[in-house]
Amino acid sequence: MRRALVVLASLLLAGLIAFAVATSLVAAGDGPAPRPNTVILLGHSVDGRPIKALRLGDPSSHRKALVVGVIHGDEKAGLRVIRQLRRAWTGIRHVDLWTVYSVNPDGVAADSRRNAHGVDLNRNFSFRWRPSSPGGGYYGGPKPFSEPESRAVRDLIERIRPDVTIWYHQPWGRVLAPCHGDARLERRYSQISGIAMQRCRGQGLPGTATSWQEAHFRHTKAFVVEFPPGAPSRASVRRNARAAALIARDGAGAVARRRERGLGRASAPGQSGLAAIKPRIHDMLIPYGPKRKREMAAYSKRHYGKREWRLLRVEQIVEHLSLTPDLSSLYNTFAPDRPDVEYGELPGVCSHYGIGRSGRIVRFVPLHVRCRHVVGLNHVTVGIEHVGQTERDVLSTPRQLGASLRLTRWLRCRFGLRVPRVIGHAESLSSPFYRELDPRFKGRTHADWRHPYMQRYRRKLANLGACP
């Protein structure tokens, strides 16, 4: 009996010592994160298969990262890397790491590049999307984000706004880097994983996830890792999982620090081109505090069905006439947060930009904030106000028109929009993105920038050339 008690006491003492060591490791930052994993249902595929994300690491971290195993169903090497990440790196610290096995579960089940609609999901994103033949292997769908799978991953990215995203593909056997500029994260991944880095491969492809991410979000880094053909070895899987985890943690930290310092996007393709076409913009920011944001969120709930004040995605640019004599009068119209005279709703009306007769461009509201400038479209549009009474006023004033075209071109290129996505206020009811739940507002619009004038405007916009 006494011997049994001694053994029991020894076991208890060993357990306490082990617990103390583990606790000290966690406190020192070397142990697993204390939070459990979280599974998030993102949506369903065409055939109804669930698309899920598993959240690893520290949900409270300001560093965000995303790793996607499969987007083409016959390129499955990334599945093993995601599995290894979830097994060996579940407790990674100092990063909020999201992992997705596959955004194309129907393609994986059928061993097909495309989804069940025959769409190449990596050609279905809106940046530089273009029509293609439905019978082709790279068919991008009837329109951008036509597929539930691409919409599901788009919504996740817009929700978490990852600093770094890694997409796995096959069979090129390369870590793909931009043609020019910073490739430190790609080079570091290459060194850890043993997969060679290559610049400028695949950069011109239309409608890809990485190009959409880097065009849509100023502060992000997204790149592709292409495995060689066939199933990767266990050693290769472990090296790539380690590379993904370290790039997610350290790379996201570097991108986040750049964002906080206001240095802009980390080596996104085309950034130098976008910077070159950006016009000079002066800040004339209106008050848009917590109260106005709450009112905008409540407005969005009433009119679009979801409580939100942030402008999470941009699908169109809307041109307006201010009916004011100058920019100061326009500011005074937008700055007070009072019910509008037409509908009597809060928050007060506003638009993102204003352009004076001299060609001066001012910003009233940051681009990540929703403005009330067009019924049925405030949740997906940027508004531009032109000082003047008629469309002819703007079209016949060279400085103002030139500034307007430069601003609109920069915005449409930044958000990956084609010229037809630039509309006039009077064209709002024909927009495919129009949504209005309040019956009092349905069918309501204004008469400024009617279709004939917008046709002239869009021709001039197209003449400025393609996006850099």
Protein backbone atom coordinates (compact mmCIF):
# COMPACT_ATOMS: atom_id res chain seq x y z
CA MET A 1 0.00 0.00 0.00
CA ARG A 2 2.77 2.36 1.02
CA ARG A 3 4.68 1.53 -2.19
CA ALA A 4 1.57 2.30 -4.28
CA LEU A 5 1.19 5.67 -2.56
CA VAL A 6 4.84 6.49 -3.26
CA VAL A 7 4.40 5.65 -6.96
CA LEU A 8 1.21 7.74 -7.12
CA ALA A 9 2.95 10.70 -5.49
CA SER A 10 5.82 10.43 -7.95
CA LEU A 11 3.44 10.44 -10.88
CA LEU A 12 1.63 13.49 -9.53
CA LEU A 13 4.93 15.29 -8.99
CA ALA A 14 6.05 14.49 -12.56
CA GLY A 15 2.76 15.77 -13.90
CA LEU A 16 3.09 19.01 -12.01
CA ILE A 17 6.64 19.48 -13.29
CA ALA A 18 5.52 18.82 -16.88
CA PHE A 19 2.64 21.28 -16.49
CA ALA A 20 5.00 23.92 -15.12
CA VAL A 21 7.42 23.44 -18.02
CA ALA A 22 4.61 23.65 -20.56
CA THR A 23 3.24 26.78 -18.89
CA SER A 24 6.65 28.43 -18.93
CA LEU A 25 7.04 27.63 -22.64
CA VAL A 26 3.68 29.20 -23.44
CA ALA A 27 4.57 32.27 -21.40
CA ALA A 28 7.88 32.53 -23.21
CA GLY A 29 6.20 32.37 -26.60
CA ASP A 30 7.53 28.93 -27.59
CA GLY A 31 4.44 26.87 -26.86
CA PRO A 32 1.14 26.41 -28.65
CA ALA A 33 -1.44 29.17 -28.70
CA PRO A 34 -4.09 28.54 -26.06
CA ARG A 35 -7.07 29.18 -28.33
CA PRO A 36 -8.87 26.26 -30.02
CA ASN A 37 -9.13 25.99 -33.80
CA THR A 38 -12.22 27.45 -35.42
CA VAL A 39 -13.90 26.01 -38.51
CA ILE A 40 -15.81 28.49 -40.68
CA LEU A 41 -18.28 27.50 -43.40
CA LEU A 42 -17.59 29.84 -46.32
CA GLY A 43 -20.27 28.55 -48.69
CA HIS A 44 -21.07 25.67 -51.00
CA SER A 45 -19.93 24.58 -54.44
CA VAL A 46 -22.14 24.27 -57.50
CA ASP A 47 -22.94 20.67 -56.52
CA GLY A 48 -23.53 21.58 -52.89
CA ARG A 49 -20.22 20.51 -51.34
CA PRO A 50 -19.16 22.65 -48.36
CA ILE A 51 -16.23 25.05 -48.64
CA LYS A 52 -14.63 25.51 -45.23
CA ALA A 53 -11.75 27.39 -43.65
CA LEU A 54 -9.87 26.32 -40.53
CA ARG A 55 -8.45 29.12 -38.45
CA LEU A 56 -5.09 28.44 -36.79
CA GLY A 57 -2.82 30.48 -34.57
CA ASP A 58 -3.86 33.58 -32.67
CA PRO A 59 -7.22 35.13 -33.66
CA SER A 60 -6.36 38.31 -31.76
CA SER A 61 -3.20 38.98 -33.79
CA HIS A 62 -3.14 42.00 -36.07
CA ARG A 63 -1.20 39.89 -38.60
CA LYS A 64 -3.54 38.05 -40.97
CA ALA A 65 -2.60 35.33 -43.43
CA LEU A 66 -4.40 32.91 -45.75
CA VAL A 67 -3.16 29.69 -47.38
CA VAL A 68 -5.29 27.99 -50.07
CA GLY A 69 -4.53 24.40 -51.04
CA VAL A 70 -6.52 23.97 -54.27
CA ILE A 71 -8.35 26.14 -56.77
CA HIS A 72 -7.83 23.84 -59.77
CA GLY A 73 -9.28 20.46 -58.89
CA ASP A 74 -6.62 18.41 -60.69
CA GLU A 75 -3.73 20.21 -58.91
CA LYS A 76 -3.87 18.52 -55.51
CA ALA A 77 -0.38 18.84 -54.05
CA GLY A 78 -1.51 21.76 -51.90
CA LEU A 79 -3.98 19.54 -50.04
CA ARG A 80 -1.10 17.73 -48.33
CA VAL A 81 0.54 21.01 -47.35
CA ILE A 82 -2.69 22.27 -45.75
CA ARG A 83 -3.03 18.96 -43.91
CA GLN A 84 0.54 19.28 -42.61
CA LEU A 85 -0.04 22.90 -41.58
CA ARG A 86 -3.10 21.89 -39.59
CA ARG A 87 -1.24 19.01 -37.97
CA ALA A 88 2.13 20.58 -37.16
CA TRP A 89 1.48 24.34 -37.00
CA THR A 90 -1.90 24.58 -35.30
CA GLY A 91 -0.38 26.48 -32.37
CA ILE A 92 1.62 29.00 -34.39
CA ARG A 93 1.85 32.26 -32.52
CA HIS A 94 1.80 35.91 -33.56
CA VAL A 95 -0.39 35.38 -36.64
CA ASP A 96 -4.08 34.79 -37.35
CA LEU A 97 -3.65 32.06 -39.96
CA TRP A 98 -6.56 30.87 -42.12
CA THR A 99 -6.29 27.69 -44.19
CA VAL A 100 -8.62 26.40 -46.91
CA TYR A 101 -8.28 22.85 -48.29
CA SER A 102 -10.03 23.63 -51.55
CA VAL A 103 -12.22 26.33 -53.03
CA ASN A 104 -13.12 23.85 -55.78
CA PRO A 105 -14.35 20.65 -54.06
CA ASP A 106 -16.37 19.58 -57.13
CA GLY A 107 -13.23 19.80 -59.26
CA VAL A 108 -11.26 17.78 -56.71
CA ALA A 109 -13.95 15.08 -56.67
CA ALA A 110 -13.99 14.92 -60.48
CA ASP A 111 -10.20 15.37 -60.86
CA SER A 112 -11.01 18.36 -63.08
CA ARG A 113 -9.32 21.75 -63.37
CA ARG A 114 -12.71 23.46 -63.58
CA ASN A 115 -15.77 23.54 -61.35
CA ALA A 116 -19.09 21.79 -62.08
CA HIS A 117 -20.12 24.63 -64.41
CA GLY A 118 -16.96 24.15 -66.45
CA VAL A 119 -15.46 27.43 -65.21
CA ASP A 120 -11.79 27.92 -64.41
CA LEU A 121 -12.17 29.62 -61.04
CA ASN A 122 -8.75 31.25 -61.37
CA ARG A 123 -10.07 33.21 -64.35
CA ASN A 124 -13.35 34.21 -62.65
CA PHE A 125 -12.09 37.12 -60.51
CA SER A 126 -12.94 40.64 -61.59
CA PHE A 127 -9.50 42.17 -62.15
CA ARG A 128 -8.75 42.20 -65.91
CA TRP A 129 -11.47 39.59 -66.44
CA ARG A 130 -12.40 39.14 -70.07
CA PRO A 131 -14.94 37.00 -71.97
CA SER A 132 -13.74 33.64 -73.26
CA SER A 133 -15.12 30.55 -74.96
CA PRO A 134 -17.27 28.31 -72.71
CA GLY A 135 -15.71 25.24 -74.29
CA GLY A 136 -12.14 26.24 -73.49
CA GLY A 137 -10.05 24.89 -70.64
CA TYR A 138 -9.55 28.42 -69.27
CA TYR A 139 -13.17 29.60 -69.50
CA GLY A 140 -13.59 32.47 -67.05
CA GLY A 141 -17.38 32.23 -66.71
CA PRO A 142 -20.15 34.45 -68.10
CA LYS A 143 -19.12 37.32 -65.83
CA PRO A 144 -16.74 38.00 -62.93
CA PHE A 145 -17.62 36.15 -59.73
CA SER A 146 -20.36 34.22 -61.48
CA GLU A 147 -19.44 31.09 -59.50
CA PRO A 148 -20.36 30.36 -55.86
CA GLU A 149 -16.85 29.11 -55.15
CA SER A 150 -15.08 32.30 -56.26
CA ARG A 151 -17.65 34.40 -54.39
CA ALA A 152 -17.07 32.37 -51.23
CA VAL A 153 -13.30 32.95 -51.21
CA ARG A 154 -13.80 36.59 -52.26
CA ASP A 155 -16.07 37.15 -49.26
CA LEU A 156 -13.51 35.51 -46.95
CA ILE A 157 -10.70 37.72 -48.26
CA GLU A 158 -12.84 40.84 -47.94
CA ARG A 159 -13.72 39.81 -44.40
CA ILE A 160 -10.24 39.05 -43.04
CA ARG A 161 -8.14 41.20 -45.42
CA PRO A 162 -5.02 39.01 -45.19
CA ASP A 163 -1.62 40.66 -45.27
CA VAL A 164 -0.22 37.60 -47.05
CA THR A 165 -1.96 34.94 -49.15
CA ILE A 166 -0.36 31.83 -50.65
CA TRP A 167 -2.13 29.90 -53.44
CA TYR A 168 -0.93 26.41 -54.39
CA HIS A 169 -0.95 25.18 -57.99
CA GLN A 170 0.78 22.63 -60.25
CA PRO A 171 2.74 21.68 -62.38
CA TRP A 172 5.26 24.47 -63.18
CA GLY A 173 7.50 23.75 -60.16
CA ARG A 174 8.20 27.41 -59.39
CA VAL A 175 7.50 30.08 -56.79
CA LEU A 176 6.05 32.85 -58.96
CA ALA A 177 7.27 36.39 -58.38
CA PRO A 178 6.27 39.69 -60.04
CA CYS A 179 8.09 40.90 -63.13
CA HIS A 180 9.54 43.88 -61.26
CA GLY A 181 9.86 45.11 -57.72
CA ASP A 182 10.09 43.51 -54.31
CA ALA A 183 10.11 39.70 -54.23
CA ARG A 184 11.48 39.14 -50.75
CA LEU A 185 8.62 36.95 -49.56
CA GLU A 186 8.70 34.80 -52.69
CA ARG A 187 12.49 34.46 -52.45
CA ARG A 188 12.30 33.51 -48.77
CA TYR A 189 9.62 30.92 -49.49
CA SER A 190 11.80 29.51 -52.26
CA GLN A 191 14.80 29.21 -49.94
CA ILE A 192 12.84 27.37 -47.25
CA SER A 193 10.84 25.10 -49.56
CA GLY A 194 13.54 24.27 -52.11
CA ILE A 195 11.25 25.26 -55.03
CA ALA A 196 13.01 27.66 -57.39
CA MET A 197 11.67 31.19 -57.80
CA GLN A 198 10.79 32.60 -61.23
CA ARG A 199 9.80 36.16 -62.10
CA CYS A 200 7.19 37.28 -64.60
CA ARG A 201 5.51 33.94 -65.27
CA GLY A 202 1.72 34.11 -65.42
CA GLN A 203 1.62 37.86 -64.70
CA GLY A 204 -0.62 38.74 -67.65
CA LEU A 205 -3.30 36.12 -67.08
CA PRO A 206 -6.85 37.55 -66.83
CA GLY A 207 -9.16 37.20 -63.86
CA THR A 208 -6.74 35.56 -61.42
CA ALA A 209 -7.20 35.53 -57.67
CA THR A 210 -3.78 37.00 -56.88
CA SER A 211 -4.08 39.91 -59.32
CA TRP A 212 -7.57 40.69 -57.99
CA GLN A 213 -6.33 40.69 -54.40
CA GLU A 214 -3.41 42.99 -55.03
CA ALA A 215 -5.48 45.37 -57.15
CA HIS A 216 -8.44 45.39 -54.77
CA PHE A 217 -6.54 45.89 -51.49
CA ARG A 218 -3.73 48.40 -51.18
CA HIS A 219 -1.93 46.59 -48.37
CA THR A 220 -1.63 42.94 -49.26
CA LYS A 221 0.75 40.42 -50.82
CA ALA A 222 -0.57 37.41 -52.73
CA PHE A 223 1.55 34.94 -54.67
CA VAL A 224 1.44 31.49 -56.25
CA VAL A 225 3.51 28.43 -55.42
CA GLU A 226 3.54 25.89 -58.25
CA PHE A 227 4.48 22.33 -57.31
CA PRO A 228 6.11 20.04 -59.88
CA PRO A 229 3.90 17.33 -61.44
CA GLY A 230 2.86 14.35 -59.35
CA ALA A 231 2.47 13.82 -55.63
CA PRO A 232 5.03 15.66 -53.46
CA SER A 233 7.26 13.68 -51.11
CA ARG A 234 6.77 13.81 -47.35
CA ALA A 235 9.93 15.85 -46.99
CA SER A 236 8.70 18.34 -49.59
CA VAL A 237 5.33 18.63 -47.84
CA ARG A 238 7.04 19.35 -44.52
CA ARG A 239 9.36 21.96 -46.09
CA ASN A 240 6.47 23.73 -47.82
CA ALA A 241 4.30 23.70 -44.71
CA ARG A 242 7.18 25.25 -42.77
CA ALA A 243 7.71 27.83 -45.52
CA ALA A 244 4.01 28.71 -45.53
CA ALA A 245 3.87 29.03 -41.73
CA LEU A 246 6.96 31.22 -41.48
CA ILE A 247 5.99 33.43 -44.42
CA ALA A 248 2.48 33.73 -42.94
CA ARG A 249 3.90 34.83 -39.61
CA ASP A 250 6.94 36.90 -40.53
CA GLY A 251 5.81 38.06 -43.96
CA ALA A 252 2.43 39.19 -42.64
CA GLY A 253 4.25 41.08 -39.91
CA ALA A 254 6.41 42.88 -42.47
CA VAL A 255 3.40 43.81 -44.62
CA ALA A 256 1.46 44.94 -41.55
CA ARG A 257 4.34 47.17 -40.45
CA ARG A 258 4.49 48.74 -43.90
CA ARG A 259 0.77 49.37 -43.75
CA GLU A 260 1.06 51.01 -40.35
CA ARG A 261 3.87 53.23 -41.61
CA GLY A 262 1.74 54.19 -44.60
CA LEU A 263 4.22 52.89 -47.15
CA GLY A 264 1.54 51.23 -49.23
CA ARG A 265 1.24 47.82 -50.73
CA ALA A 266 4.21 45.46 -50.59
CA SER A 267 5.52 44.92 -54.10
CA ALA A 268 2.16 44.43 -55.76
CA PRO A 269 2.34 43.96 -59.52
CA GLY A 270 1.53 47.18 -61.34
CA GLN A 271 1.85 49.40 -58.27
CA SER A 272 4.36 51.65 -59.99
CA GLY A 273 1.97 51.93 -62.95
CA LEU A 274 -0.97 52.83 -60.74
CA ALA A 275 1.12 55.38 -58.90
CA ALA A 276 2.11 56.92 -62.22
CA ILE A 277 -1.50 57.53 -63.30
CA LYS A 278 -2.82 58.67 -59.92
CA PRO A 279 -3.79 62.36 -60.09
CA ARG A 280 -3.09 64.83 -57.33
CA ILE A 281 -5.85 64.64 -54.70
CA HIS A 282 -6.40 67.15 -51.90
CA ASP A 283 -8.07 66.13 -48.66
CA MET A 284 -11.22 67.99 -47.62
CA LEU A 285 -12.52 65.23 -45.33
CA ILE A 286 -15.99 65.66 -43.88
CA PRO A 287 -16.77 64.55 -40.29
CA TYR A 288 -17.53 60.82 -40.38
CA GLY A 289 -17.35 59.64 -36.78
CA PRO A 290 -18.82 56.67 -34.88
CA LYS A 291 -22.36 58.08 -34.91
CA ARG A 292 -22.41 58.52 -38.68
CA LYS A 293 -20.90 55.05 -39.14
CA ARG A 294 -23.65 53.53 -36.99
CA GLU A 295 -26.26 55.37 -39.05
CA MET A 296 -24.65 54.12 -42.28
CA ALA A 297 -24.65 50.57 -40.95
CA ALA A 298 -28.34 50.86 -40.04
CA TYR A 299 -29.10 52.35 -43.48
CA SER A 300 -27.32 49.41 -45.13
CA LYS A 301 -29.36 46.96 -43.09
CA ARG A 302 -32.62 48.59 -44.21
CA HIS A 303 -31.69 48.92 -47.86
CA TYR A 304 -29.29 46.03 -48.58
CA GLY A 305 -30.04 43.52 -45.84
CA LYS A 306 -26.70 43.61 -44.00
CA ARG A 307 -25.48 45.96 -41.29
CA GLU A 308 -22.22 47.47 -42.57
CA TRP A 309 -20.67 50.95 -42.92
CA ARG A 310 -17.48 49.88 -44.67
CA LEU A 311 -17.16 49.78 -48.44
CA LEU A 312 -15.83 46.23 -48.73
CA ARG A 313 -15.90 45.96 -52.49
CA VAL A 314 -16.23 48.32 -55.45
CA GLU A 315 -18.10 47.20 -58.56
CA GLN A 316 -18.87 50.54 -60.23
CA ILE A 317 -17.96 54.23 -60.25
CA VAL A 318 -20.85 56.70 -60.36
CA GLU A 319 -20.51 60.20 -61.83
CA HIS A 320 -22.66 63.05 -60.39
CA LEU A 321 -23.40 66.75 -60.85
CA SER A 322 -23.16 68.76 -57.63
CA LEU A 323 -25.55 71.62 -58.59
CA THR A 324 -23.33 73.83 -56.40
CA PRO A 325 -21.18 76.80 -57.48
CA ASP A 326 -17.91 75.54 -55.97
CA LEU A 327 -16.22 72.85 -53.86
CA SER A 328 -16.68 74.75 -50.60
CA SER A 329 -20.44 74.76 -51.09
CA LEU A 330 -20.30 71.05 -51.87
CA TYR A 331 -18.34 70.41 -48.67
CA ASN A 332 -20.95 72.34 -46.70
CA THR A 333 -23.64 70.12 -48.21
CA PHE A 334 -21.91 66.91 -47.15
CA ALA A 335 -20.34 67.83 -43.81
CA PRO A 336 -23.48 68.19 -41.64
CA ASP A 337 -24.89 64.83 -40.61
CA ARG A 338 -28.56 65.67 -41.04
CA PRO A 339 -31.48 63.97 -42.80
CA ASP A 340 -31.51 64.60 -46.53
CA VAL A 341 -34.27 66.85 -47.86
CA GLU A 342 -35.55 64.30 -50.36
CA TYR A 343 -35.92 61.14 -48.26
CA GLY A 344 -35.46 62.35 -44.69
CA GLU A 345 -33.03 59.58 -43.81
CA LEU A 346 -29.76 59.45 -41.92
CA PRO A 347 -26.82 59.54 -42.36
CA GLY A 348 -26.45 62.69 -44.39
CA VAL A 349 -25.62 62.40 -48.08
CA CYS A 350 -22.03 62.48 -49.28
CA SER A 351 -19.73 61.41 -52.09
CA HIS A 352 -16.13 60.22 -52.06
CA TYR A 353 -14.64 62.84 -54.37
CA GLY A 354 -15.39 66.28 -55.76
CA ILE A 355 -13.91 68.02 -58.82
CA GLY A 356 -13.92 71.79 -59.18
CA ARG A 357 -14.10 73.87 -62.34
CA SER A 358 -10.33 74.50 -62.12
CA GLY A 359 -9.63 70.76 -62.14
CA ARG A 360 -8.90 70.57 -58.41
CA ILE A 361 -9.74 67.12 -57.03
CA VAL A 362 -10.73 66.78 -53.37
CA ARG A 363 -11.46 63.74 -51.26
CA PHE A 364 -14.41 63.98 -48.88
CA VAL A 365 -14.48 60.40 -47.55
CA PRO A 366 -11.88 57.57 -47.55
CA LEU A 367 -12.46 54.80 -50.05
CA HIS A 368 -13.11 52.18 -47.38
CA VAL A 369 -16.20 54.06 -46.16
CA ARG A 370 -19.69 53.94 -47.69
CA CYS A 371 -21.31 57.18 -48.81
CA ARG A 372 -24.97 57.90 -49.55
CA HIS A 373 -24.72 59.15 -53.12
CA VAL A 374 -26.92 56.81 -55.22
CA VAL A 375 -30.01 54.81 -54.28
CA GLY A 376 -29.56 51.05 -54.56
CA LEU A 377 -25.79 51.10 -55.11
CA ASN A 378 -24.11 52.73 -52.11
CA HIS A 379 -22.80 49.36 -50.92
CA VAL A 380 -20.69 48.68 -54.05
CA THR A 381 -19.84 52.06 -55.62
CA VAL A 382 -17.57 55.09 -55.39
CA GLY A 383 -19.14 58.48 -56.05
CA ILE A 384 -17.56 61.44 -57.89
CA GLU A 385 -19.23 64.88 -57.80
CA HIS A 386 -18.56 67.51 -60.48
CA VAL A 387 -19.16 71.17 -59.68
CA GLY A 388 -21.66 72.43 -62.25
CA GLN A 389 -25.31 72.56 -63.25
CA THR A 390 -25.31 70.47 -66.44
CA GLU A 391 -23.28 67.75 -68.11
CA ARG A 392 -22.32 70.24 -70.81
CA ASP A 393 -20.70 72.39 -68.11
CA VAL A 394 -18.27 69.57 -67.36
CA LEU A 395 -17.74 68.29 -70.89
CA SER A 396 -16.94 71.81 -72.13
CA THR A 397 -14.47 72.67 -69.32
CA PRO A 398 -11.12 71.09 -70.28
CA ARG A 399 -9.44 71.28 -66.88
CA GLN A 400 -12.39 69.83 -65.01
CA LEU A 401 -13.04 67.13 -67.61
CA GLY A 402 -9.37 66.16 -67.75
CA ALA A 403 -9.18 65.86 -63.97
CA SER A 404 -12.38 63.82 -63.92
CA LEU A 405 -11.10 61.37 -66.53
CA ARG A 406 -7.75 60.96 -64.77
CA LEU A 407 -9.39 60.32 -61.40
CA THR A 408 -11.89 57.88 -62.88
CA ARG A 409 -9.20 56.02 -64.79
CA TRP A 410 -7.06 55.64 -61.68
CA LEU A 411 -10.03 54.38 -59.65
CA ARG A 412 -11.22 51.90 -62.26
CA CYS A 413 -7.68 50.54 -62.64
CA ARG A 414 -7.23 50.32 -58.91
CA PHE A 415 -10.38 48.23 -58.54
CA GLY A 416 -9.99 46.26 -61.77
CA LEU A 417 -13.09 47.72 -63.46
CA ARG A 418 -13.70 47.88 -67.19
CA VAL A 419 -14.85 51.14 -68.77
CA PRO A 420 -18.56 50.10 -68.90
CA ARG A 421 -18.47 49.84 -65.10
CA VAL A 422 -18.32 53.66 -65.02
CA ILE A 423 -21.90 54.93 -65.00
CA GLY A 424 -23.86 58.13 -64.59
CA HIS A 425 -26.28 58.74 -61.74
CA ALA A 426 -29.18 58.53 -64.18
CA GLU A 427 -28.05 55.04 -65.27
CA SER A 428 -28.23 53.51 -61.79
CA LEU A 429 -31.47 51.55 -62.32
CA SER A 430 -29.92 49.54 -65.15
CA SER A 431 -26.95 48.45 -63.04
CA PRO A 432 -26.65 44.67 -62.51
CA PHE A 433 -25.56 45.43 -58.93
CA TYR A 434 -28.66 47.48 -58.07
CA ARG A 435 -30.27 46.33 -54.82
CA GLU A 436 -33.02 48.11 -52.91
CA LEU A 437 -35.12 46.48 -50.17
CA ASP A 438 -37.09 49.57 -49.11
CA PRO A 439 -40.20 49.82 -51.33
CA ARG A 440 -40.24 53.62 -50.92
CA PHE A 441 -36.89 53.84 -52.70
CA LYS A 442 -37.28 51.26 -55.46
CA GLY A 443 -37.10 52.79 -58.92
CA ARG A 444 -35.86 56.14 -57.61
CA THR A 445 -32.92 57.84 -59.28
CA HIS A 446 -31.74 61.27 -60.47
CA ALA A 447 -31.41 62.77 -63.94
CA ASP A 448 -27.75 63.84 -63.87
CA TRP A 449 -25.25 62.23 -66.24
CA ARG A 450 -27.80 60.69 -68.58
CA HIS A 451 -26.86 57.93 -70.99
CA PRO A 452 -25.97 60.04 -74.10
CA TYR A 453 -23.58 62.17 -72.06
CA MET A 454 -22.07 59.11 -70.37
CA GLN A 455 -21.49 57.52 -73.75
CA ARG A 456 -19.36 60.52 -74.70
CA TYR A 457 -17.62 60.41 -71.31
CA ARG A 458 -16.84 56.68 -71.56
CA ARG A 459 -15.41 57.10 -75.07
CA LYS A 460 -13.05 59.76 -73.76
CA LEU A 461 -12.17 57.52 -70.81
CA ALA A 462 -11.39 54.59 -73.10
CA ASN A 463 -9.17 56.85 -75.20
CA LEU A 464 -6.86 57.30 -72.19
CA GLY A 465 -5.75 53.72 -72.72
CA ALA A 466 -5.71 50.45 -70.83
CA CYS A 467 -4.65 50.09 -67.22
CA PRO A 468 -0.91 49.84 -66.59
